[in-house]
């Protein structure tokens, strides 16, 4: 059992770190926009962490998506796709941390089985996102004659994701 003090502090730190890294990524391409969004994002982070099971958490995730969406052009090269994967993983981490904070009362310890399942499912989602980014990179860098191969890879990824979701839902 992980003590409440430790896991709640870690989850909170991950949410704040995700905000800082997302603003850092945004500032690489649009520094003024990132600067303008810093204060609203900080306020939403405070609100979302104060009441993770309420609207503040939802608005925080939406604000993070807005930060990512306003931070530049669509990815076309490997660096752009890597940044997209990192941004998606940070938003996913925020969502998962807020869900965990909302699911357990403030003084409750976190069972190891829950922590393992949370980490494995989060890692699986991040891996699926990275695989989708690879398909996106292939789609933006390959000649149109390879379109069938790229679509086949995308459909295979969708089928694998559906199979994993079905397996997870079945295992309870």
N, C-alpha and C. Protein backbone atom coordinates (compact mmCIF):
# COMPACT_ATOMS: atom_id res chain seq x y z
N UNK A 1 0.84 -1.18 0.00
CA UNK A 1 0.00 0.00 0.00
C UNK A 1 0.89 1.24 0.00
N UNK A 2 0.68 2.09 -0.97
CA UNK A 2 1.42 3.35 -1.04
C UNK A 2 0.68 4.39 -0.20
N UNK A 3 1.38 5.03 0.72
CA UNK A 3 0.71 6.01 1.59
C UNK A 3 0.11 7.17 0.77
N UNK A 4 -1.01 7.67 1.26
CA UNK A 4 -1.73 8.74 0.56
C UNK A 4 -0.84 9.96 0.34
N UNK A 5 -0.07 10.28 1.33
CA UNK A 5 0.76 11.48 1.23
C UNK A 5 1.73 11.39 0.04
N UNK A 6 2.32 10.21 -0.16
CA UNK A 6 3.31 10.05 -1.22
C UNK A 6 2.67 10.02 -2.61
N UNK A 7 1.64 9.18 -2.80
CA UNK A 7 1.09 9.06 -4.15
C UNK A 7 0.32 10.30 -4.57
N UNK A 8 -0.34 10.98 -3.63
CA UNK A 8 -1.06 12.20 -3.98
C UNK A 8 -0.08 13.32 -4.35
N UNK A 9 1.01 13.39 -3.63
CA UNK A 9 2.04 14.39 -3.94
C UNK A 9 2.65 14.13 -5.32
N UNK A 10 2.92 12.85 -5.60
CA UNK A 10 3.50 12.48 -6.89
C UNK A 10 2.53 12.79 -8.04
N UNK A 11 1.25 12.45 -7.86
CA UNK A 11 0.26 12.73 -8.90
C UNK A 11 0.13 14.23 -9.15
N UNK A 12 0.13 15.01 -8.07
CA UNK A 12 0.04 16.46 -8.20
C UNK A 12 1.26 17.01 -8.93
N UNK A 13 2.43 16.52 -8.57
CA UNK A 13 3.66 16.95 -9.23
C UNK A 13 3.65 16.60 -10.72
N UNK A 14 3.13 15.44 -11.07
CA UNK A 14 3.06 15.05 -12.48
C UNK A 14 2.15 15.98 -13.27
N UNK A 15 1.04 16.40 -12.68
CA UNK A 15 0.13 17.32 -13.36
C UNK A 15 0.81 18.67 -13.59
N UNK A 16 1.46 19.19 -12.57
CA UNK A 16 2.15 20.48 -12.70
C UNK A 16 3.30 20.37 -13.70
N UNK A 17 4.04 19.28 -13.64
CA UNK A 17 5.14 19.07 -14.58
C UNK A 17 4.62 18.97 -16.02
N UNK A 18 3.49 18.33 -16.21
CA UNK A 18 2.89 18.25 -17.55
C UNK A 18 2.56 19.64 -18.07
N UNK A 19 2.01 20.50 -17.21
CA UNK A 19 1.72 21.87 -17.62
C UNK A 19 2.98 22.62 -18.05
N UNK A 20 4.00 22.51 -17.23
CA UNK A 20 5.25 23.22 -17.52
C UNK A 20 5.85 22.73 -18.84
N UNK A 21 5.88 21.41 -19.04
CA UNK A 21 6.45 20.87 -20.27
C UNK A 21 5.61 21.24 -21.49
N UNK A 22 4.28 21.22 -21.35
CA UNK A 22 3.43 21.61 -22.48
C UNK A 22 3.63 23.08 -22.84
N UNK A 23 3.74 23.93 -21.83
CA UNK A 23 4.02 25.34 -22.11
C UNK A 23 5.40 25.51 -22.72
N UNK A 24 6.36 24.70 -22.29
CA UNK A 24 7.69 24.74 -22.89
C UNK A 24 7.68 24.33 -24.35
N UNK A 25 6.94 23.27 -24.67
CA UNK A 25 6.80 22.85 -26.07
C UNK A 25 6.12 23.93 -26.90
N UNK A 26 5.08 24.53 -26.33
CA UNK A 26 4.35 25.58 -27.06
C UNK A 26 5.23 26.80 -27.28
N UNK A 27 6.08 27.12 -26.32
CA UNK A 27 6.92 28.31 -26.44
C UNK A 27 8.00 28.15 -27.51
N UNK A 28 8.30 26.92 -27.90
CA UNK A 28 9.29 26.71 -28.95
C UNK A 28 8.81 27.27 -30.29
N UNK A 29 7.50 27.16 -30.56
CA UNK A 29 7.00 27.65 -31.84
C UNK A 29 6.21 28.95 -31.72
N UNK A 30 5.51 29.14 -30.62
CA UNK A 30 4.72 30.36 -30.43
C UNK A 30 4.90 30.89 -29.01
N UNK A 31 6.01 31.59 -28.77
CA UNK A 31 6.30 32.04 -27.40
C UNK A 31 5.26 32.99 -26.82
N UNK A 32 4.69 33.87 -27.63
CA UNK A 32 3.72 34.84 -27.11
C UNK A 32 2.44 34.11 -26.67
N UNK A 33 1.99 33.16 -27.49
CA UNK A 33 0.79 32.40 -27.14
C UNK A 33 1.01 31.62 -25.85
N UNK A 34 2.17 31.00 -25.72
CA UNK A 34 2.47 30.24 -24.50
C UNK A 34 2.49 31.16 -23.29
N UNK A 35 3.03 32.35 -23.45
CA UNK A 35 3.08 33.31 -22.35
C UNK A 35 1.67 33.76 -21.96
N UNK A 36 0.81 34.00 -22.95
CA UNK A 36 -0.57 34.43 -22.69
C UNK A 36 -1.36 33.32 -21.99
N UNK A 37 -1.10 32.06 -22.32
CA UNK A 37 -1.85 30.95 -21.75
C UNK A 37 -1.32 30.48 -20.41
N UNK A 38 -0.20 31.00 -19.96
CA UNK A 38 0.42 30.53 -18.72
C UNK A 38 -0.47 30.77 -17.50
N UNK A 39 -0.96 31.99 -17.34
CA UNK A 39 -1.78 32.30 -16.16
C UNK A 39 -3.11 31.54 -16.14
N UNK A 40 -3.86 31.52 -17.26
CA UNK A 40 -5.10 30.73 -17.23
C UNK A 40 -4.84 29.25 -16.95
N UNK A 41 -3.77 28.70 -17.51
CA UNK A 41 -3.46 27.29 -17.28
C UNK A 41 -3.08 27.05 -15.82
N UNK A 42 -2.35 27.98 -15.23
CA UNK A 42 -2.00 27.85 -13.81
C UNK A 42 -3.26 27.89 -12.94
N UNK A 43 -4.19 28.79 -13.25
CA UNK A 43 -5.44 28.85 -12.49
C UNK A 43 -6.26 27.58 -12.63
N UNK A 44 -6.35 27.07 -13.85
CA UNK A 44 -7.10 25.83 -14.07
C UNK A 44 -6.41 24.63 -13.40
N UNK A 45 -5.09 24.66 -13.36
CA UNK A 45 -4.37 23.58 -12.67
C UNK A 45 -4.68 23.61 -11.18
N UNK A 46 -4.66 24.80 -10.59
CA UNK A 46 -4.99 24.92 -9.18
C UNK A 46 -6.42 24.42 -8.92
N UNK A 47 -7.35 24.84 -9.77
CA UNK A 47 -8.76 24.45 -9.61
C UNK A 47 -8.94 22.95 -9.82
N UNK A 48 -8.30 22.41 -10.85
CA UNK A 48 -8.42 20.99 -11.14
C UNK A 48 -7.82 20.11 -10.05
N UNK A 49 -6.71 20.52 -9.48
CA UNK A 49 -6.09 19.74 -8.42
C UNK A 49 -6.84 19.88 -7.10
N UNK A 50 -7.49 20.99 -6.90
CA UNK A 50 -8.25 21.20 -5.67
C UNK A 50 -9.48 20.30 -5.64
N UNK A 51 -10.12 20.13 -6.77
CA UNK A 51 -11.31 19.29 -6.89
C UNK A 51 -11.19 18.45 -8.15
N UNK A 52 -10.43 17.36 -8.10
CA UNK A 52 -10.14 16.59 -9.33
C UNK A 52 -11.34 15.86 -9.91
N UNK A 53 -12.40 15.68 -9.15
CA UNK A 53 -13.57 14.98 -9.67
C UNK A 53 -14.62 15.92 -10.24
N UNK A 54 -14.32 17.19 -10.36
CA UNK A 54 -15.29 18.19 -10.81
C UNK A 54 -14.88 18.78 -12.16
N UNK A 55 -15.56 19.87 -12.51
CA UNK A 55 -15.34 20.50 -13.81
C UNK A 55 -13.93 21.07 -13.98
N UNK A 56 -13.29 21.42 -12.90
CA UNK A 56 -11.94 21.99 -13.01
C UNK A 56 -10.98 21.04 -13.68
N UNK A 57 -11.08 19.76 -13.38
CA UNK A 57 -10.20 18.76 -14.00
C UNK A 57 -10.46 18.65 -15.50
N UNK A 58 -11.73 18.65 -15.86
CA UNK A 58 -12.08 18.58 -17.29
C UNK A 58 -11.57 19.81 -18.03
N UNK A 59 -11.78 20.98 -17.44
CA UNK A 59 -11.33 22.21 -18.09
C UNK A 59 -9.81 22.28 -18.18
N UNK A 60 -9.11 21.72 -17.19
CA UNK A 60 -7.65 21.67 -17.25
C UNK A 60 -7.19 20.84 -18.44
N UNK A 61 -7.76 19.67 -18.63
CA UNK A 61 -7.37 18.82 -19.76
C UNK A 61 -7.69 19.53 -21.08
N UNK A 62 -8.86 20.17 -21.15
CA UNK A 62 -9.22 20.92 -22.37
C UNK A 62 -8.23 22.06 -22.59
N UNK A 63 -7.84 22.76 -21.53
CA UNK A 63 -6.87 23.86 -21.67
C UNK A 63 -5.52 23.33 -22.15
N UNK A 64 -5.11 22.17 -21.66
CA UNK A 64 -3.85 21.60 -22.13
C UNK A 64 -3.94 21.27 -23.62
N UNK A 65 -5.09 20.77 -24.05
CA UNK A 65 -5.27 20.48 -25.48
C UNK A 65 -5.25 21.79 -26.29
N UNK A 66 -5.81 22.85 -25.74
CA UNK A 66 -5.77 24.15 -26.42
C UNK A 66 -4.33 24.64 -26.54
N UNK A 67 -3.55 24.48 -25.48
CA UNK A 67 -2.13 24.87 -25.52
C UNK A 67 -1.42 24.11 -26.63
N UNK A 68 -1.67 22.81 -26.71
CA UNK A 68 -1.04 22.00 -27.75
C UNK A 68 -1.54 22.41 -29.13
N UNK A 69 -2.84 22.64 -29.25
CA UNK A 69 -3.42 22.98 -30.54
C UNK A 69 -3.00 24.33 -31.08
N UNK A 70 -2.69 25.26 -30.20
CA UNK A 70 -2.29 26.59 -30.65
C UNK A 70 -0.78 26.74 -30.77
N UNK A 71 -0.07 25.66 -30.59
CA UNK A 71 1.39 25.78 -30.52
C UNK A 71 2.11 25.59 -31.84
N UNK A 72 1.42 25.50 -32.95
CA UNK A 72 2.14 25.43 -34.20
C UNK A 72 1.42 24.63 -35.26
N UNK A 73 2.16 24.35 -36.30
CA UNK A 73 1.62 23.65 -37.47
C UNK A 73 1.52 22.15 -37.22
N UNK A 74 0.85 21.48 -38.12
CA UNK A 74 0.72 20.03 -38.03
C UNK A 74 2.10 19.38 -38.19
N UNK A 75 2.36 18.30 -37.47
CA UNK A 75 3.67 17.65 -37.58
C UNK A 75 3.87 17.04 -38.97
N UNK A 76 5.08 17.19 -39.47
CA UNK A 76 5.39 16.64 -40.79
C UNK A 76 6.69 15.85 -40.79
N UNK A 77 7.55 16.10 -39.81
CA UNK A 77 8.81 15.38 -39.76
C UNK A 77 8.90 14.62 -38.43
N UNK A 78 9.99 13.91 -38.24
CA UNK A 78 10.11 13.06 -37.05
C UNK A 78 10.13 13.89 -35.76
N UNK A 79 10.73 15.07 -35.80
CA UNK A 79 10.74 15.93 -34.62
C UNK A 79 9.35 16.42 -34.25
N UNK A 80 8.57 16.78 -35.26
CA UNK A 80 7.19 17.22 -35.03
C UNK A 80 6.33 16.11 -34.47
N UNK A 81 6.51 14.91 -35.01
CA UNK A 81 5.72 13.77 -34.51
C UNK A 81 6.16 13.37 -33.11
N UNK A 82 7.45 13.48 -32.81
CA UNK A 82 7.93 13.18 -31.46
C UNK A 82 7.35 14.18 -30.46
N UNK A 83 7.30 15.45 -30.86
CA UNK A 83 6.70 16.46 -29.99
C UNK A 83 5.21 16.19 -29.80
N UNK A 84 4.54 15.74 -30.85
CA UNK A 84 3.11 15.41 -30.74
C UNK A 84 2.89 14.25 -29.78
N UNK A 85 3.75 13.24 -29.86
CA UNK A 85 3.63 12.09 -28.94
C UNK A 85 3.88 12.54 -27.51
N UNK A 86 4.89 13.36 -27.30
CA UNK A 86 5.18 13.86 -25.96
C UNK A 86 4.01 14.67 -25.42
N UNK A 87 3.46 15.56 -26.24
CA UNK A 87 2.32 16.37 -25.80
C UNK A 87 1.12 15.49 -25.46
N UNK A 88 0.85 14.50 -26.30
CA UNK A 88 -0.28 13.60 -26.03
C UNK A 88 -0.05 12.81 -24.75
N UNK A 89 1.18 12.35 -24.53
CA UNK A 89 1.49 11.60 -23.32
C UNK A 89 1.34 12.48 -22.08
N UNK A 90 1.69 13.75 -22.19
CA UNK A 90 1.55 14.66 -21.05
C UNK A 90 0.08 14.92 -20.72
N UNK A 91 -0.74 15.11 -21.75
CA UNK A 91 -2.17 15.31 -21.51
C UNK A 91 -2.78 14.03 -20.93
N UNK A 92 -2.35 12.88 -21.46
CA UNK A 92 -2.83 11.60 -20.93
C UNK A 92 -2.43 11.43 -19.46
N UNK A 93 -1.19 11.78 -19.14
CA UNK A 93 -0.72 11.68 -17.75
C UNK A 93 -1.55 12.57 -16.83
N UNK A 94 -1.87 13.78 -17.30
CA UNK A 94 -2.71 14.67 -16.50
C UNK A 94 -4.08 14.05 -16.25
N UNK A 95 -4.67 13.53 -17.30
CA UNK A 95 -5.99 12.90 -17.17
C UNK A 95 -5.94 11.73 -16.19
N UNK A 96 -4.94 10.88 -16.33
CA UNK A 96 -4.84 9.70 -15.46
C UNK A 96 -4.58 10.10 -14.00
N UNK A 97 -3.74 11.08 -13.79
CA UNK A 97 -3.46 11.53 -12.42
C UNK A 97 -4.70 12.14 -11.78
N UNK A 98 -5.42 12.96 -12.54
CA UNK A 98 -6.63 13.57 -12.00
C UNK A 98 -7.70 12.51 -11.72
N UNK A 99 -7.80 11.51 -12.59
CA UNK A 99 -8.77 10.43 -12.36
C UNK A 99 -8.41 9.65 -11.10
N UNK A 100 -7.13 9.40 -10.90
CA UNK A 100 -6.69 8.69 -9.71
C UNK A 100 -6.96 9.52 -8.45
N UNK A 101 -6.67 10.81 -8.52
CA UNK A 101 -6.93 11.70 -7.39
C UNK A 101 -8.42 11.77 -7.06
N UNK A 102 -9.26 11.71 -8.10
CA UNK A 102 -10.70 11.79 -7.88
C UNK A 102 -11.27 10.47 -7.36
N UNK A 103 -10.64 9.36 -7.70
CA UNK A 103 -11.19 8.05 -7.35
C UNK A 103 -10.96 7.67 -5.90
N UNK A 104 -9.93 8.21 -5.28
CA UNK A 104 -9.61 7.84 -3.90
C UNK A 104 -9.75 9.04 -2.98
N UNK A 105 -10.33 8.85 -1.80
CA UNK A 105 -10.45 9.97 -0.85
C UNK A 105 -9.07 10.47 -0.42
N UNK A 106 -8.99 11.72 0.03
CA UNK A 106 -7.70 12.32 0.36
C UNK A 106 -6.80 11.52 1.29
N UNK A 107 -7.31 10.80 2.27
CA UNK A 107 -6.45 10.08 3.21
C UNK A 107 -6.21 8.62 2.86
N UNK A 108 -6.75 8.15 1.74
CA UNK A 108 -6.67 6.73 1.40
C UNK A 108 -5.33 6.37 0.77
N UNK A 109 -4.79 5.26 1.21
CA UNK A 109 -3.60 4.73 0.58
C UNK A 109 -3.96 4.11 -0.76
N UNK A 110 -2.97 3.94 -1.58
CA UNK A 110 -3.18 3.39 -2.92
C UNK A 110 -2.69 1.94 -2.95
N UNK A 111 -3.60 0.99 -3.18
CA UNK A 111 -3.17 -0.41 -3.24
C UNK A 111 -2.18 -0.63 -4.39
N UNK A 112 -1.22 -1.50 -4.18
CA UNK A 112 -0.21 -1.76 -5.19
C UNK A 112 -0.83 -2.30 -6.48
N UNK A 113 -1.87 -3.13 -6.36
CA UNK A 113 -2.52 -3.67 -7.56
C UNK A 113 -3.12 -2.55 -8.40
N UNK A 114 -3.70 -1.55 -7.74
CA UNK A 114 -4.26 -0.41 -8.47
C UNK A 114 -3.16 0.38 -9.15
N UNK A 115 -2.07 0.59 -8.45
CA UNK A 115 -0.94 1.33 -9.03
C UNK A 115 -0.37 0.59 -10.23
N UNK A 116 -0.22 -0.73 -10.11
CA UNK A 116 0.30 -1.52 -11.24
C UNK A 116 -0.62 -1.44 -12.44
N UNK A 117 -1.91 -1.61 -12.19
CA UNK A 117 -2.88 -1.57 -13.29
C UNK A 117 -2.92 -0.18 -13.92
N UNK A 118 -2.90 0.86 -13.10
CA UNK A 118 -2.93 2.23 -13.60
C UNK A 118 -1.70 2.49 -14.48
N UNK A 119 -0.53 2.08 -13.99
CA UNK A 119 0.71 2.31 -14.75
C UNK A 119 0.74 1.50 -16.03
N UNK A 120 0.30 0.24 -15.97
CA UNK A 120 0.35 -0.59 -17.19
C UNK A 120 -0.64 -0.09 -18.23
N UNK A 121 -1.84 0.30 -17.82
CA UNK A 121 -2.80 0.80 -18.79
C UNK A 121 -2.39 2.15 -19.35
N UNK A 122 -1.83 3.01 -18.51
CA UNK A 122 -1.31 4.29 -19.00
C UNK A 122 -0.16 4.09 -19.97
N UNK A 123 0.74 3.18 -19.66
CA UNK A 123 1.85 2.87 -20.57
C UNK A 123 1.36 2.30 -21.88
N UNK A 124 0.35 1.45 -21.82
CA UNK A 124 -0.22 0.89 -23.03
C UNK A 124 -0.85 1.97 -23.91
N UNK A 125 -1.57 2.89 -23.29
CA UNK A 125 -2.16 3.99 -24.05
C UNK A 125 -1.09 4.87 -24.69
N UNK A 126 -0.04 5.17 -23.94
CA UNK A 126 1.05 5.98 -24.49
C UNK A 126 1.75 5.25 -25.63
N UNK A 127 1.93 3.94 -25.50
CA UNK A 127 2.54 3.15 -26.57
C UNK A 127 1.66 3.14 -27.81
N UNK A 128 0.36 3.00 -27.61
CA UNK A 128 -0.57 3.03 -28.74
C UNK A 128 -0.52 4.40 -29.43
N UNK A 129 -0.39 5.46 -28.64
CA UNK A 129 -0.27 6.80 -29.23
C UNK A 129 1.02 6.95 -30.02
N UNK A 130 2.10 6.39 -29.51
CA UNK A 130 3.37 6.44 -30.25
C UNK A 130 3.27 5.66 -31.55
N UNK A 131 2.61 4.51 -31.51
CA UNK A 131 2.42 3.72 -32.73
C UNK A 131 1.57 4.49 -33.75
N UNK A 132 0.55 5.19 -33.25
CA UNK A 132 -0.27 6.01 -34.15
C UNK A 132 0.55 7.14 -34.76
N UNK A 133 1.48 7.70 -33.98
CA UNK A 133 2.34 8.75 -34.51
C UNK A 133 3.28 8.21 -35.58
N UNK A 134 3.74 6.98 -35.40
CA UNK A 134 4.59 6.36 -36.43
C UNK A 134 3.80 6.20 -37.73
N UNK A 135 2.54 5.78 -37.60
CA UNK A 135 1.69 5.67 -38.80
C UNK A 135 1.49 7.07 -39.41
N UNK A 136 1.29 8.07 -38.57
CA UNK A 136 1.16 9.44 -39.07
C UNK A 136 2.42 9.91 -39.77
N UNK A 137 3.57 9.59 -39.20
CA UNK A 137 4.84 9.95 -39.84
C UNK A 137 4.97 9.26 -41.18
N UNK A 138 4.63 7.99 -41.22
CA UNK A 138 4.68 7.27 -42.49
C UNK A 138 3.72 7.90 -43.51
N UNK A 139 2.54 8.27 -43.04
CA UNK A 139 1.56 8.88 -43.93
C UNK A 139 1.99 10.23 -44.46
N UNK A 140 2.77 10.96 -43.69
CA UNK A 140 3.20 12.28 -44.15
C UNK A 140 4.53 12.26 -44.90
N UNK A 141 5.24 11.15 -44.85
CA UNK A 141 6.56 11.09 -45.48
C UNK A 141 6.67 10.10 -46.63
N UNK A 142 5.69 9.27 -46.84
CA UNK A 142 5.82 8.26 -47.88
C UNK A 142 5.09 8.69 -49.14
N UNK A 143 5.51 8.16 -50.27
CA UNK A 143 4.81 8.48 -51.52
C UNK A 143 3.38 7.94 -51.50
N UNK A 144 2.53 8.53 -52.32
CA UNK A 144 1.12 8.14 -52.32
C UNK A 144 0.91 6.69 -52.73
N UNK A 145 1.85 6.10 -53.43
CA UNK A 145 1.73 4.69 -53.83
C UNK A 145 1.71 3.76 -52.61
N UNK A 146 2.27 4.22 -51.50
CA UNK A 146 2.32 3.43 -50.29
C UNK A 146 1.09 3.65 -49.41
N UNK A 147 0.12 4.39 -49.92
CA UNK A 147 -1.07 4.72 -49.15
C UNK A 147 -1.79 3.50 -48.61
N UNK A 148 -1.86 2.44 -49.40
CA UNK A 148 -2.55 1.23 -48.96
C UNK A 148 -1.84 0.61 -47.76
N UNK A 149 -0.51 0.63 -47.79
CA UNK A 149 0.26 0.07 -46.68
C UNK A 149 0.02 0.89 -45.41
N UNK A 150 0.03 2.21 -45.54
CA UNK A 150 -0.18 3.07 -44.38
C UNK A 150 -1.59 2.88 -43.81
N UNK A 151 -2.59 2.78 -44.69
CA UNK A 151 -3.97 2.56 -44.23
C UNK A 151 -4.08 1.20 -43.55
N UNK A 152 -3.42 0.20 -44.09
CA UNK A 152 -3.44 -1.13 -43.48
C UNK A 152 -2.81 -1.10 -42.09
N UNK A 153 -1.69 -0.39 -41.95
CA UNK A 153 -1.06 -0.24 -40.63
C UNK A 153 -1.99 0.50 -39.66
N UNK A 154 -2.66 1.53 -40.14
CA UNK A 154 -3.59 2.26 -39.28
C UNK A 154 -4.74 1.38 -38.83
N UNK A 155 -5.29 0.59 -39.74
CA UNK A 155 -6.38 -0.31 -39.38
C UNK A 155 -5.91 -1.41 -38.43
N UNK A 156 -4.70 -1.90 -38.64
CA UNK A 156 -4.15 -2.90 -37.72
C UNK A 156 -3.98 -2.31 -36.33
N UNK A 157 -3.53 -1.06 -36.25
CA UNK A 157 -3.41 -0.39 -34.97
C UNK A 157 -4.76 -0.20 -34.30
N UNK A 158 -5.76 0.14 -35.08
CA UNK A 158 -7.11 0.29 -34.54
C UNK A 158 -7.64 -1.04 -34.02
N UNK A 159 -7.39 -2.11 -34.78
CA UNK A 159 -7.83 -3.45 -34.34
C UNK A 159 -7.11 -3.87 -33.07
N UNK A 160 -5.82 -3.60 -32.99
CA UNK A 160 -5.06 -3.95 -31.78
C UNK A 160 -5.56 -3.16 -30.57
N UNK A 161 -5.86 -1.89 -30.77
CA UNK A 161 -6.40 -1.08 -29.68
C UNK A 161 -7.76 -1.61 -29.23
N UNK A 162 -8.60 -1.98 -30.18
CA UNK A 162 -9.92 -2.54 -29.84
C UNK A 162 -9.77 -3.84 -29.08
N UNK A 163 -8.82 -4.69 -29.50
CA UNK A 163 -8.59 -5.96 -28.81
C UNK A 163 -8.09 -5.73 -27.39
N UNK A 164 -7.20 -4.77 -27.22
CA UNK A 164 -6.70 -4.45 -25.87
C UNK A 164 -7.81 -3.89 -24.99
N UNK A 165 -8.65 -3.03 -25.55
CA UNK A 165 -9.76 -2.48 -24.78
C UNK A 165 -10.73 -3.60 -24.39
N UNK A 166 -11.02 -4.50 -25.29
CA UNK A 166 -11.91 -5.62 -25.00
C UNK A 166 -11.33 -6.50 -23.91
N UNK A 167 -10.02 -6.79 -24.01
CA UNK A 167 -9.36 -7.63 -23.01
C UNK A 167 -9.37 -6.96 -21.65
N UNK A 168 -9.12 -5.65 -21.62
CA UNK A 168 -9.12 -4.92 -20.36
C UNK A 168 -10.52 -4.91 -19.74
N UNK A 169 -11.54 -4.67 -20.55
CA UNK A 169 -12.90 -4.64 -20.04
C UNK A 169 -13.33 -6.02 -19.53
N UNK A 170 -12.86 -7.05 -20.18
CA UNK A 170 -13.21 -8.42 -19.79
C UNK A 170 -12.54 -8.85 -18.50
N UNK A 171 -11.28 -8.36 -18.30
CA UNK A 171 -10.55 -8.77 -17.10
C UNK A 171 -11.04 -8.04 -15.85
N UNK A 172 -11.89 -7.04 -16.06
CA UNK A 172 -12.59 -6.43 -14.94
C UNK A 172 -11.90 -5.37 -14.22
